[in-house]
Amino acid sequence: MIEKICLFLTNRIRKEMPEIDDEKAEVINYGLQNIVGEIPKVFLMLIVALVLGIFKWALITFIIFLPYRGASGGFHLKTHIGCIIGTIIFYCGIPFLAKYLILSEIAKYFVIGILWIFGMIMIKLYAPADTEDVPILAQKVRKKKQIASYLTFSMGLIIALLISNTMVTNVLILGSFLQTISITKLAYRLTNNKYGYEVYGNTSMESA
C-alpha cells in the first residue's frame, strides 16, 4: 500500500514538473517511501516513549539520526509489527541505555575514534544499504547517498566529541553504532534481507 501511494505521489510530481528525469524520480520515490512509511511507526514510538517518560529524548534521537538513516539506509523487518517494534526499540532503547553509559574522557575519545574507523569502512562497503522493495539502482544516486552517509556519520561523532552534555554524547555514540550495524551484510542475513542492487544486478545500474 505504501509503495503504491508513494509511486502515485511521485508520478503526480513528475506530471507537475516534467523536468524531473528517471534518476531524480527514483530519489523522490525513495524519500517518500522512507517518510510515509515512518510516520505511523514514529507516532506509536512517541506514545511508548511518553509512557516510559523518555519522550523528549526519543524525539531528539529521532531528529538526530534522521539524516544519517536517510542517507545510509539499512535493513527492513518483514512485517508491520516487526517494523513497529524495531522502531520503538531503536528510538526508545538508545536514550534508555544512554542514561546508564558511563565513559571517562579518555574512554570517550577512544570509543569515538574506533567507531569512526569502523563506520567509515562499513559505509564504504555497504552504504547506501537499499532493499528489494526500495532499490537504489542509479549509480549517481548511490554515490550521493554514500557521500551524505560519510558526512552525517562524521558530523554526529564530531558533535559527540565536542558537546559537554553526556546524554547527547551517549545517544550519538550508541545510535551511530546501531545504525551502522543495520547496513552490514551480517545484519541483512540475520533479518533475511537482501540488498536491492544484489537482487536486480549491478548491470541494471545506470552509469555515472
C-alpha atoms as a PDB file:
ATOM      1  CA  MET A   1       0.000   0.000   0.000  1.00  0.00           C
ATOM      2  CA  ILE A   2       2.768   2.437   0.958  1.00  0.00           C
ATOM      3  CA  GLU A   3       4.646   1.643  -2.254  1.00  0.00           C
ATOM      4  CA  LYS A   4       1.553   2.383  -4.351  1.00  0.00           C
ATOM      5  CA  ILE A   5       0.871   5.652  -2.532  1.00  0.00           C
ATOM      6  CA  CYS A   6       4.465   6.835  -2.985  1.00  0.00           C
ATOM      7  CA  LEU A   7       4.530   5.803  -6.646  1.00  0.00           C
ATOM      8  CA  PHE A   8       1.297   7.723  -7.198  1.00  0.00           C
ATOM      9  CA  LEU A   9       2.738  10.812  -5.499  1.00  0.00           C
ATOM     10  CA  THR A  10       5.975  10.523  -7.478  1.00  0.00           C
ATOM     11  CA  ASN A  11       4.052  10.316 -10.769  1.00  0.00           C
ATOM     12  CA  ARG A  12       1.960  13.328  -9.781  1.00  0.00           C
ATOM     13  CA  ILE A  13       5.110  15.295  -9.016  1.00  0.00           C
ATOM     14  CA  ARG A  14       6.608  14.315 -12.382  1.00  0.00           C
ATOM     15  CA  LYS A  15       3.409  15.373 -14.118  1.00  0.00           C
ATOM     16  CA  GLU A  16       3.605  18.815 -12.499  1.00  0.00           C
ATOM     17  CA  MET A  17       7.369  19.048 -13.044  1.00  0.00           C
ATOM     18  CA  PRO A  18       8.257  17.466 -16.418  1.00  0.00           C
ATOM     19  CA  GLU A  19      11.938  18.366 -15.971  1.00  0.00           C
ATOM     20  CA  ILE A  20      12.305  15.585 -13.381  1.00  0.00           C
ATOM     21  CA  ASP A  21      14.121  12.674 -15.014  1.00  0.00           C
ATOM     22  CA  ASP A  22      14.107   9.000 -14.019  1.00  0.00           C
ATOM     23  CA  GLU A  23      17.078   9.411 -11.690  1.00  0.00           C
ATOM     24  CA  LYS A  24      15.507  12.283  -9.751  1.00  0.00           C
ATOM     25  CA  ALA A  25      12.186  10.440  -9.672  1.00  0.00           C
ATOM     26  CA  GLU A  26      13.955   7.468  -8.069  1.00  0.00           C
ATOM     27  CA  VAL A  27      15.338   9.734  -5.354  1.00  0.00           C
ATOM     28  CA  ILE A  28      11.908  11.300  -4.756  1.00  0.00           C
ATOM     29  CA  ASN A  29      10.179   7.919  -4.575  1.00  0.00           C
ATOM     30  CA  TYR A  30      12.821   6.557  -2.191  1.00  0.00           C
ATOM     31  CA  GLY A  31      12.472   9.584   0.067  1.00  0.00           C
ATOM     32  CA  LEU A  32       8.678   9.421   0.040  1.00  0.00           C
ATOM     33  CA  GLN A  33       8.700   5.748   0.992  1.00  0.00           C
ATOM     34  CA  ASN A  34      11.013   6.462   3.906  1.00  0.00           C
ATOM     35  CA  ILE A  35       8.893   9.374   5.133  1.00  0.00           C
ATOM     36  CA  VAL A  36       5.421   7.881   4.609  1.00  0.00           C
ATOM     37  CA  GLY A  37       6.496   4.506   5.970  1.00  0.00           C
ATOM     38  CA  GLU A  38       7.971   6.053   9.114  1.00  0.00           C
ATOM     39  CA  ILE A  39       5.003   8.242  10.106  1.00  0.00           C
ATOM     40  CA  PRO A  40       2.780   5.592  11.799  1.00  0.00           C
ATOM     41  CA  LYS A  41       5.788   3.860  13.372  1.00  0.00           C
ATOM     42  CA  VAL A  42       7.185   7.096  14.771  1.00  0.00           C
ATOM     43  CA  PHE A  43       3.751   8.079  16.090  1.00  0.00           C
ATOM     44  CA  LEU A  44       3.451   4.809  18.023  1.00  0.00           C
ATOM     45  CA  MET A  45       7.063   5.070  19.162  1.00  0.00           C
ATOM     46  CA  LEU A  46       6.440   8.511  20.645  1.00  0.00           C
ATOM     47  CA  ILE A  47       3.392   7.205  22.503  1.00  0.00           C
ATOM     48  CA  VAL A  48       5.517   4.442  24.055  1.00  0.00           C
ATOM     49  CA  ALA A  49       8.247   6.973  24.846  1.00  0.00           C
ATOM     50  CA  LEU A  50       5.684   9.186  26.575  1.00  0.00           C
ATOM     51  CA  VAL A  51       4.525   6.264  28.709  1.00  0.00           C
ATOM     52  CA  LEU A  52       8.153   5.420  29.579  1.00  0.00           C
ATOM     53  CA  GLY A  53       8.913   9.028  30.466  1.00  0.00           C
ATOM     54  CA  ILE A  54      11.573   9.493  27.777  1.00  0.00           C
ATOM     55  CA  PHE A  55       9.503  11.383  25.192  1.00  0.00           C
ATOM     56  CA  LYS A  56      11.959  14.270  24.851  1.00  0.00           C
ATOM     57  CA  TRP A  57      14.982  12.052  24.353  1.00  0.00           C
ATOM     58  CA  ALA A  58      13.220   9.672  21.973  1.00  0.00           C
ATOM     59  CA  LEU A  59      12.205  12.663  19.852  1.00  0.00           C
ATOM     60  CA  ILE A  60      15.733  14.083  19.987  1.00  0.00           C
ATOM     61  CA  THR A  61      17.142  10.683  18.980  1.00  0.00           C
ATOM     62  CA  PHE A  62      14.753  10.515  16.019  1.00  0.00           C
ATOM     63  CA  ILE A  63      15.691  14.010  14.821  1.00  0.00           C
ATOM     64  CA  ILE A  64      19.433  13.472  15.302  1.00  0.00           C
ATOM     65  CA  PHE A  65      19.566  10.256  13.278  1.00  0.00           C
ATOM     66  CA  LEU A  66      17.071  11.102  10.550  1.00  0.00           C
ATOM     67  CA  PRO A  67      19.803  12.434   8.177  1.00  0.00           C
ATOM     68  CA  TYR A  68      22.195   9.509   8.704  1.00  0.00           C
ATOM     69  CA  ARG A  69      19.475   6.854   8.489  1.00  0.00           C
ATOM     70  CA  GLY A  70      18.015   8.512   5.416  1.00  0.00           C
ATOM     71  CA  ALA A  71      21.379   8.540   3.662  1.00  0.00           C
ATOM     72  CA  SER A  72      22.790   5.165   4.714  1.00  0.00           C
ATOM     73  CA  GLY A  73      19.606   3.062   4.644  1.00  0.00           C
ATOM     74  CA  GLY A  74      19.505  -0.262   6.455  1.00  0.00           C
ATOM     75  CA  PHE A  75      17.543  -3.488   6.715  1.00  0.00           C
ATOM     76  CA  HIS A  76      13.742  -3.556   6.925  1.00  0.00           C
ATOM     77  CA  LEU A  77      11.874  -6.054   9.058  1.00  0.00           C
ATOM     78  CA  LYS A  78       9.397  -8.142   7.088  1.00  0.00           C
ATOM     79  CA  THR A  79       6.177  -7.404   8.968  1.00  0.00           C
ATOM     80  CA  HIS A  80       4.496  -4.175  10.050  1.00  0.00           C
ATOM     81  CA  ILE A  81       4.525  -5.348  13.667  1.00  0.00           C
ATOM     82  CA  GLY A  82       8.223  -6.147  13.385  1.00  0.00           C
ATOM     83  CA  CYS A  83       8.932  -2.701  11.929  1.00  0.00           C
ATOM     84  CA  ILE A  84       6.978  -1.007  14.710  1.00  0.00           C
ATOM     85  CA  ILE A  85       8.792  -2.999  17.398  1.00  0.00           C
ATOM     86  CA  GLY A  86      12.154  -2.319  15.737  1.00  0.00           C
ATOM     87  CA  THR A  87      11.454   1.414  15.577  1.00  0.00           C
ATOM     88  CA  ILE A  88      10.410   1.520  19.230  1.00  0.00           C
ATOM     89  CA  ILE A  89      13.495  -0.439  20.311  1.00  0.00           C
ATOM     90  CA  PHE A  90      15.831   1.831  18.329  1.00  0.00           C
ATOM     91  CA  TYR A  91      14.461   5.230  19.314  1.00  0.00           C
ATOM     92  CA  CYS A  92      13.443   4.352  22.880  1.00  0.00           C
ATOM     93  CA  GLY A  93      16.214   1.878  23.618  1.00  0.00           C
ATOM     94  CA  ILE A  94      19.043   4.248  22.705  1.00  0.00           C
ATOM     95  CA  PRO A  95      18.120   7.046  25.158  1.00  0.00           C
ATOM     96  CA  PHE A  96      17.251   4.441  27.815  1.00  0.00           C
ATOM     97  CA  LEU A  97      20.692   2.842  27.553  1.00  0.00           C
ATOM     98  CA  ALA A  98      22.398   6.231  27.193  1.00  0.00           C
ATOM     99  CA  LYS A  99      21.365   7.115  30.739  1.00  0.00           C
ATOM    100  CA  TYR A 100      23.481   4.266  32.089  1.00  0.00           C
ATOM    101  CA  LEU A 101      26.521   4.551  29.818  1.00  0.00           C
ATOM    102  CA  ILE A 102      29.499   5.963  31.712  1.00  0.00           C
ATOM    103  CA  LEU A 103      32.681   6.869  29.824  1.00  0.00           C
ATOM    104  CA  SER A 104      35.713   8.723  31.046  1.00  0.00           C
ATOM    105  CA  GLU A 105      37.117  11.457  28.790  1.00  0.00           C
ATOM    106  CA  ILE A 106      39.897   9.175  27.555  1.00  0.00           C
ATOM    107  CA  ALA A 107      37.465   6.295  27.001  1.00  0.00           C
ATOM    108  CA  LYS A 108      35.108   8.602  25.116  1.00  0.00           C
ATOM    109  CA  TYR A 109      37.825   9.677  22.684  1.00  0.00           C
ATOM    110  CA  PHE A 110      38.948   6.084  22.207  1.00  0.00           C
ATOM    111  CA  VAL A 111      35.417   4.750  21.598  1.00  0.00           C
ATOM    112  CA  ILE A 112      34.549   7.534  19.165  1.00  0.00           C
ATOM    113  CA  GLY A 113      37.813   7.052  17.277  1.00  0.00           C
ATOM    114  CA  ILE A 114      37.289   3.294  16.881  1.00  0.00           C
ATOM    115  CA  LEU A 115      33.632   3.828  15.981  1.00  0.00           C
ATOM    116  CA  TRP A 116      34.571   6.389  13.305  1.00  0.00           C
ATOM    117  CA  ILE A 117      37.050   3.999  11.670  1.00  0.00           C
ATOM    118  CA  PHE A 118      34.512   1.158  11.810  1.00  0.00           C
ATOM    119  CA  GLY A 119      31.770   3.379  10.387  1.00  0.00           C
ATOM    120  CA  MET A 120      33.890   4.657   7.521  1.00  0.00           C
ATOM    121  CA  ILE A 121      34.699   1.092   6.476  1.00  0.00           C
ATOM    122  CA  MET A 122      31.078  -0.082   6.718  1.00  0.00           C
ATOM    123  CA  ILE A 123      29.798   2.932   4.778  1.00  0.00           C
ATOM    124  CA  LYS A 124      32.389   2.301   2.075  1.00  0.00           C
ATOM    125  CA  LEU A 125      31.318  -1.339   1.824  1.00  0.00           C
ATOM    126  CA  TYR A 126      27.539  -1.125   2.204  1.00  0.00           C
ATOM    127  CA  ALA A 127      26.056   2.390   2.064  1.00  0.00           C
ATOM    128  CA  PRO A 128      23.548   3.164   0.828  1.00  0.00           C
ATOM    129  CA  ALA A 129      22.059  -0.115   2.047  1.00  0.00           C
ATOM    130  CA  ASP A 130      18.910  -0.460  -0.040  1.00  0.00           C
ATOM    131  CA  THR A 131      16.314  -3.262  -0.026  1.00  0.00           C
ATOM    132  CA  GLU A 132      14.418  -5.386  -2.524  1.00  0.00           C
ATOM    133  CA  ASP A 133      11.295  -3.269  -2.089  1.00  0.00           C
ATOM    134  CA  VAL A 134      13.077   0.076  -2.388  1.00  0.00           C
ATOM    135  CA  PRO A 135      16.192  -0.469  -4.524  1.00  0.00           C
ATOM    136  CA  ILE A 136      18.637   2.310  -5.384  1.00  0.00           C
ATOM    137  CA  LEU A 137      19.928   1.402  -8.814  1.00  0.00           C
ATOM    138  CA  ALA A 138      21.209   4.675 -10.251  1.00  0.00           C
ATOM    139  CA  GLN A 139      24.958   4.898  -9.681  1.00  0.00           C
ATOM    140  CA  LYS A 140      24.857   8.689  -9.293  1.00  0.00           C
ATOM    141  CA  VAL A 141      22.206   8.417  -6.593  1.00  0.00           C
ATOM    142  CA  ARG A 142      24.189   5.746  -4.755  1.00  0.00           C
ATOM    143  CA  LYS A 143      27.309   7.905  -4.845  1.00  0.00           C
ATOM    144  CA  LYS A 144      25.491  10.946  -3.484  1.00  0.00           C
ATOM    145  CA  LYS A 145      23.929   8.956  -0.665  1.00  0.00           C
ATOM    146  CA  GLN A 146      27.252   7.380   0.234  1.00  0.00           C
ATOM    147  CA  ILE A 147      28.890  10.806   0.459  1.00  0.00           C
ATOM    148  CA  ALA A 148      25.956  12.020   2.581  1.00  0.00           C
ATOM    149  CA  SER A 149      26.445   8.973   4.825  1.00  0.00           C
ATOM    150  CA  TYR A 150      30.120   9.834   5.357  1.00  0.00           C
ATOM    151  CA  LEU A 151      29.247  13.427   6.204  1.00  0.00           C
ATOM    152  CA  THR A 152      26.278  12.829   8.525  1.00  0.00           C
ATOM    153  CA  PHE A 153      28.028   9.985  10.364  1.00  0.00           C
ATOM    154  CA  SER A 154      31.212  12.016  10.879  1.00  0.00           C
ATOM    155  CA  MET A 155      29.295  15.131  11.886  1.00  0.00           C
ATOM    156  CA  GLY A 156      27.422  13.200  14.574  1.00  0.00           C
ATOM    157  CA  LEU A 157      30.645  11.887  16.085  1.00  0.00           C
ATOM    158  CA  ILE A 158      32.305  15.310  15.937  1.00  0.00           C
ATOM    159  CA  ILE A 159      29.381  16.708  17.915  1.00  0.00           C
ATOM    160  CA  ALA A 160      29.720  13.801  20.359  1.00  0.00           C
ATOM    161  CA  LEU A 161      33.370  14.785  20.874  1.00  0.00           C
ATOM    162  CA  LEU A 162      32.763  18.475  21.381  1.00  0.00           C
ATOM    163  CA  ILE A 163      29.470  18.693  23.264  1.00  0.00           C
ATOM    164  CA  SER A 164      29.522  18.744  27.058  1.00  0.00           C
ATOM    165  CA  ASN A 165      26.107  17.112  27.513  1.00  0.00           C
ATOM    166  CA  THR A 166      26.855  13.494  28.431  1.00  0.00           C
ATOM    167  CA  MET A 167      23.394  12.282  27.477  1.00  0.00           C
ATOM    168  CA  VAL A 168      23.643  13.686  23.950  1.00  0.00           C
ATOM    169  CA  THR A 169      27.141  12.252  23.572  1.00  0.00           C
ATOM    170  CA  ASN A 170      25.954   8.809  24.633  1.00  0.00           C
ATOM    171  CA  VAL A 171      22.933   8.941  22.325  1.00  0.00           C
ATOM    172  CA  LEU A 172      25.193   9.853  19.402  1.00  0.00           C
ATOM    173  CA  ILE A 173      27.658   7.072  20.164  1.00  0.00           C
ATOM    174  CA  LEU A 174      25.049   4.340  20.636  1.00  0.00           C
ATOM    175  CA  GLY A 175      22.843   5.467  17.766  1.00  0.00           C
ATOM    176  CA  SER A 176      25.740   5.819  15.332  1.00  0.00           C
ATOM    177  CA  PHE A 177      26.927   2.315  16.193  1.00  0.00           C
ATOM    178  CA  LEU A 178      23.497   0.670  15.885  1.00  0.00           C
ATOM    179  CA  GLN A 179      22.601   2.472  12.656  1.00  0.00           C
ATOM    180  CA  THR A 180      25.936   1.489  11.139  1.00  0.00           C
ATOM    181  CA  ILE A 181      25.366  -2.135  12.175  1.00  0.00           C
ATOM    182  CA  SER A 182      21.983  -2.049  10.421  1.00  0.00           C
ATOM    183  CA  ILE A 183      23.586  -1.575   6.985  1.00  0.00           C
ATOM    184  CA  THR A 184      26.011  -4.505   7.257  1.00  0.00           C
ATOM    185  CA  LYS A 185      25.762  -7.804   5.423  1.00  0.00           C
ATOM    186  CA  LEU A 186      25.564  -9.667   8.744  1.00  0.00           C
ATOM    187  CA  ALA A 187      22.505  -7.635   9.800  1.00  0.00           C
ATOM    188  CA  TYR A 188      20.867  -8.303   6.423  1.00  0.00           C
ATOM    189  CA  ARG A 189      21.470 -12.042   6.746  1.00  0.00           C
ATOM    190  CA  LEU A 190      20.128 -12.180  10.300  1.00  0.00           C
ATOM    191  CA  THR A 191      16.932 -10.362   9.249  1.00  0.00           C
ATOM    192  CA  ASN A 192      16.546 -12.251   5.953  1.00  0.00           C
ATOM    193  CA  ASN A 193      17.018  -9.127   3.828  1.00  0.00           C
ATOM    194  CA  LYS A 194      18.759  -8.652   0.509  1.00  0.00           C
ATOM    195  CA  TYR A 195      20.342  -5.530  -0.910  1.00  0.00           C
ATOM    196  CA  GLY A 196      18.313  -4.187  -3.809  1.00  0.00           C
ATOM    197  CA  TYR A 197      21.326  -3.890  -6.091  1.00  0.00           C
ATOM    198  CA  GLU A 198      22.128  -7.559  -5.477  1.00  0.00           C
ATOM    199  CA  VAL A 199      18.621  -8.650  -6.414  1.00  0.00           C
ATOM    200  CA  TYR A 200      18.367  -6.592  -9.584  1.00  0.00           C
ATOM    201  CA  GLY A 201      22.024  -6.898 -10.540  1.00  0.00           C
ATOM    202  CA  ASN A 202      24.772  -4.360 -10.994  1.00  0.00           C
ATOM    203  CA  THR A 203      24.199  -4.450 -14.739  1.00  0.00           C
ATOM    204  CA  SER A 204      20.886  -2.671 -14.253  1.00  0.00           C
ATOM    205  CA  MET A 205      22.534   0.339 -12.601  1.00  0.00           C
ATOM    206  CA  GLU A 206      22.877   3.486 -14.580  1.00  0.00           C
ATOM    207  CA  SER A 207      26.406   4.557 -15.299  1.00  0.00           C
ATOM    208  CA  ALA A 208      27.775   7.659 -13.604  1.00  0.00           C
END
